[in-house]
């Protein structure tokens, strides 16, 4: 349940910042996967974002959202 709450908080912050949710999930996942972002004990639930299935789903969703936004 903690992971769902963390993703919910991320969604809220993305909305306020004007950043697309899928891009944020993809960027965080890639940063964790390539050790550019070191999460401590408190950020351990974020490691799920570095799973290849999550990265693939976020990448495809971001690509689809990008095309839908740019092509009328």
C-alpha atoms as a PDB file:
ATOM      1  CA  UNK A   1       0.000   0.000   0.000  1.00  0.00           C
ATOM      2  CA  UNK A   2       2.932   2.321   0.658  1.00  0.00           C
ATOM      3  CA  UNK A   3       3.981   2.157  -3.011  1.00  0.00           C
ATOM      4  CA  UNK A   4       0.506   3.152  -4.170  1.00  0.00           C
ATOM      5  CA  UNK A   5       0.522   6.124  -1.811  1.00  0.00           C
ATOM      6  CA  UNK A   6       3.952   7.142  -3.073  1.00  0.00           C
ATOM      7  CA  UNK A   7       2.832   6.970  -6.708  1.00  0.00           C
ATOM      8  CA  UNK A   8      -0.288   8.941  -5.777  1.00  0.00           C
ATOM      9  CA  UNK A   9       1.884  11.663  -4.275  1.00  0.00           C
ATOM     10  CA  UNK A  10       4.025  11.658  -7.408  1.00  0.00           C
ATOM     11  CA  UNK A  11       0.906  12.065  -9.555  1.00  0.00           C
ATOM     12  CA  UNK A  12      -0.151  15.090  -7.521  1.00  0.00           C
ATOM     13  CA  UNK A  13       3.266  16.695  -7.735  1.00  0.00           C
ATOM     14  CA  UNK A  14       3.426  16.071 -11.487  1.00  0.00           C
ATOM     15  CA  UNK A  15       0.049  17.681 -12.001  1.00  0.00           C
ATOM     16  CA  UNK A  16       1.015  20.747  -9.993  1.00  0.00           C
ATOM     17  CA  UNK A  17       4.363  21.049 -11.792  1.00  0.00           C
ATOM     18  CA  UNK A  18       2.785  20.622 -15.221  1.00  0.00           C
ATOM     19  CA  UNK A  19       4.827  17.545 -16.073  1.00  0.00           C
ATOM     20  CA  UNK A  20       3.300  14.476 -17.666  1.00  0.00           C
ATOM     21  CA  UNK A  21       2.904  11.556 -15.258  1.00  0.00           C
ATOM     22  CA  UNK A  22       4.268   8.929 -17.622  1.00  0.00           C
ATOM     23  CA  UNK A  23       7.364  11.016 -18.363  1.00  0.00           C
ATOM     24  CA  UNK A  24       8.006  11.403 -14.649  1.00  0.00           C
ATOM     25  CA  UNK A  25       7.628   7.680 -13.959  1.00  0.00           C
ATOM     26  CA  UNK A  26       9.867   6.878 -16.931  1.00  0.00           C
ATOM     27  CA  UNK A  27      12.549   9.393 -15.894  1.00  0.00           C
ATOM     28  CA  UNK A  28      12.546   8.226 -12.270  1.00  0.00           C
ATOM     29  CA  UNK A  29      12.662   4.569 -13.310  1.00  0.00           C
ATOM     30  CA  UNK A  30      15.546   5.124 -15.702  1.00  0.00           C
ATOM     31  CA  UNK A  31      17.450   7.193 -13.148  1.00  0.00           C
ATOM     32  CA  UNK A  32      17.088   4.451 -10.540  1.00  0.00           C
ATOM     33  CA  UNK A  33      17.907   1.696 -13.052  1.00  0.00           C
ATOM     34  CA  UNK A  34      21.137   3.367 -14.197  1.00  0.00           C
ATOM     35  CA  UNK A  35      22.107   4.400 -10.628  1.00  0.00           C
ATOM     36  CA  UNK A  36      21.794   8.108 -11.353  1.00  0.00           C
ATOM     37  CA  UNK A  37      19.390   8.448  -8.437  1.00  0.00           C
ATOM     38  CA  UNK A  38      20.291   6.728  -5.202  1.00  0.00           C
ATOM     39  CA  UNK A  39      17.214   6.074  -3.109  1.00  0.00           C
ATOM     40  CA  UNK A  40      17.723   5.556   0.575  1.00  0.00           C
ATOM     41  CA  UNK A  41      15.755   3.358   2.896  1.00  0.00           C
ATOM     42  CA  UNK A  42      12.783   5.725   2.712  1.00  0.00           C
ATOM     43  CA  UNK A  43      12.705   5.554  -1.093  1.00  0.00           C
ATOM     44  CA  UNK A  44      12.987   1.768  -1.340  1.00  0.00           C
ATOM     45  CA  UNK A  45       9.407   1.411  -2.666  1.00  0.00           C
ATOM     46  CA  UNK A  46      10.474   3.521  -5.660  1.00  0.00           C
ATOM     47  CA  UNK A  47      12.634   0.633  -6.881  1.00  0.00           C
ATOM     48  CA  UNK A  48       9.518  -0.843  -8.487  1.00  0.00           C
ATOM     49  CA  UNK A  49       9.748   1.970 -11.059  1.00  0.00           C
ATOM     50  CA  UNK A  50      13.047   0.517 -12.329  1.00  0.00           C
ATOM     51  CA  UNK A  51      11.433  -2.814 -13.272  1.00  0.00           C
ATOM     52  CA  UNK A  52      11.602  -3.383 -17.058  1.00  0.00           C
ATOM     53  CA  UNK A  53       7.828  -3.941 -17.327  1.00  0.00           C
ATOM     54  CA  UNK A  54       7.127  -0.613 -15.616  1.00  0.00           C
ATOM     55  CA  UNK A  55       9.673   1.162 -17.812  1.00  0.00           C
ATOM     56  CA  UNK A  56       8.160  -0.344 -20.954  1.00  0.00           C
ATOM     57  CA  UNK A  57       4.603   0.535 -19.953  1.00  0.00           C
ATOM     58  CA  UNK A  58       5.568   4.097 -18.979  1.00  0.00           C
ATOM     59  CA  UNK A  59       7.518   4.553 -22.210  1.00  0.00           C
ATOM     60  CA  UNK A  60       4.675   3.320 -24.388  1.00  0.00           C
ATOM     61  CA  UNK A  61       2.108   5.390 -22.490  1.00  0.00           C
ATOM     62  CA  UNK A  62       4.261   8.509 -22.748  1.00  0.00           C
ATOM     63  CA  UNK A  63       4.796   7.946 -26.478  1.00  0.00           C
ATOM     64  CA  UNK A  64       1.056   7.484 -27.052  1.00  0.00           C
ATOM     65  CA  UNK A  65       0.245  10.546 -24.947  1.00  0.00           C
ATOM     66  CA  UNK A  66       2.861  12.600 -26.798  1.00  0.00           C
ATOM     67  CA  UNK A  67       1.432  11.601 -30.199  1.00  0.00           C
ATOM     68  CA  UNK A  68      -2.123  12.255 -29.082  1.00  0.00           C
ATOM     69  CA  UNK A  69      -1.139  15.686 -27.839  1.00  0.00           C
ATOM     70  CA  UNK A  70       0.764  16.711 -30.983  1.00  0.00           C
ATOM     71  CA  UNK A  71      -1.401  15.197 -33.717  1.00  0.00           C
ATOM     72  CA  UNK A  72      -4.882  16.737 -33.995  1.00  0.00           C
END
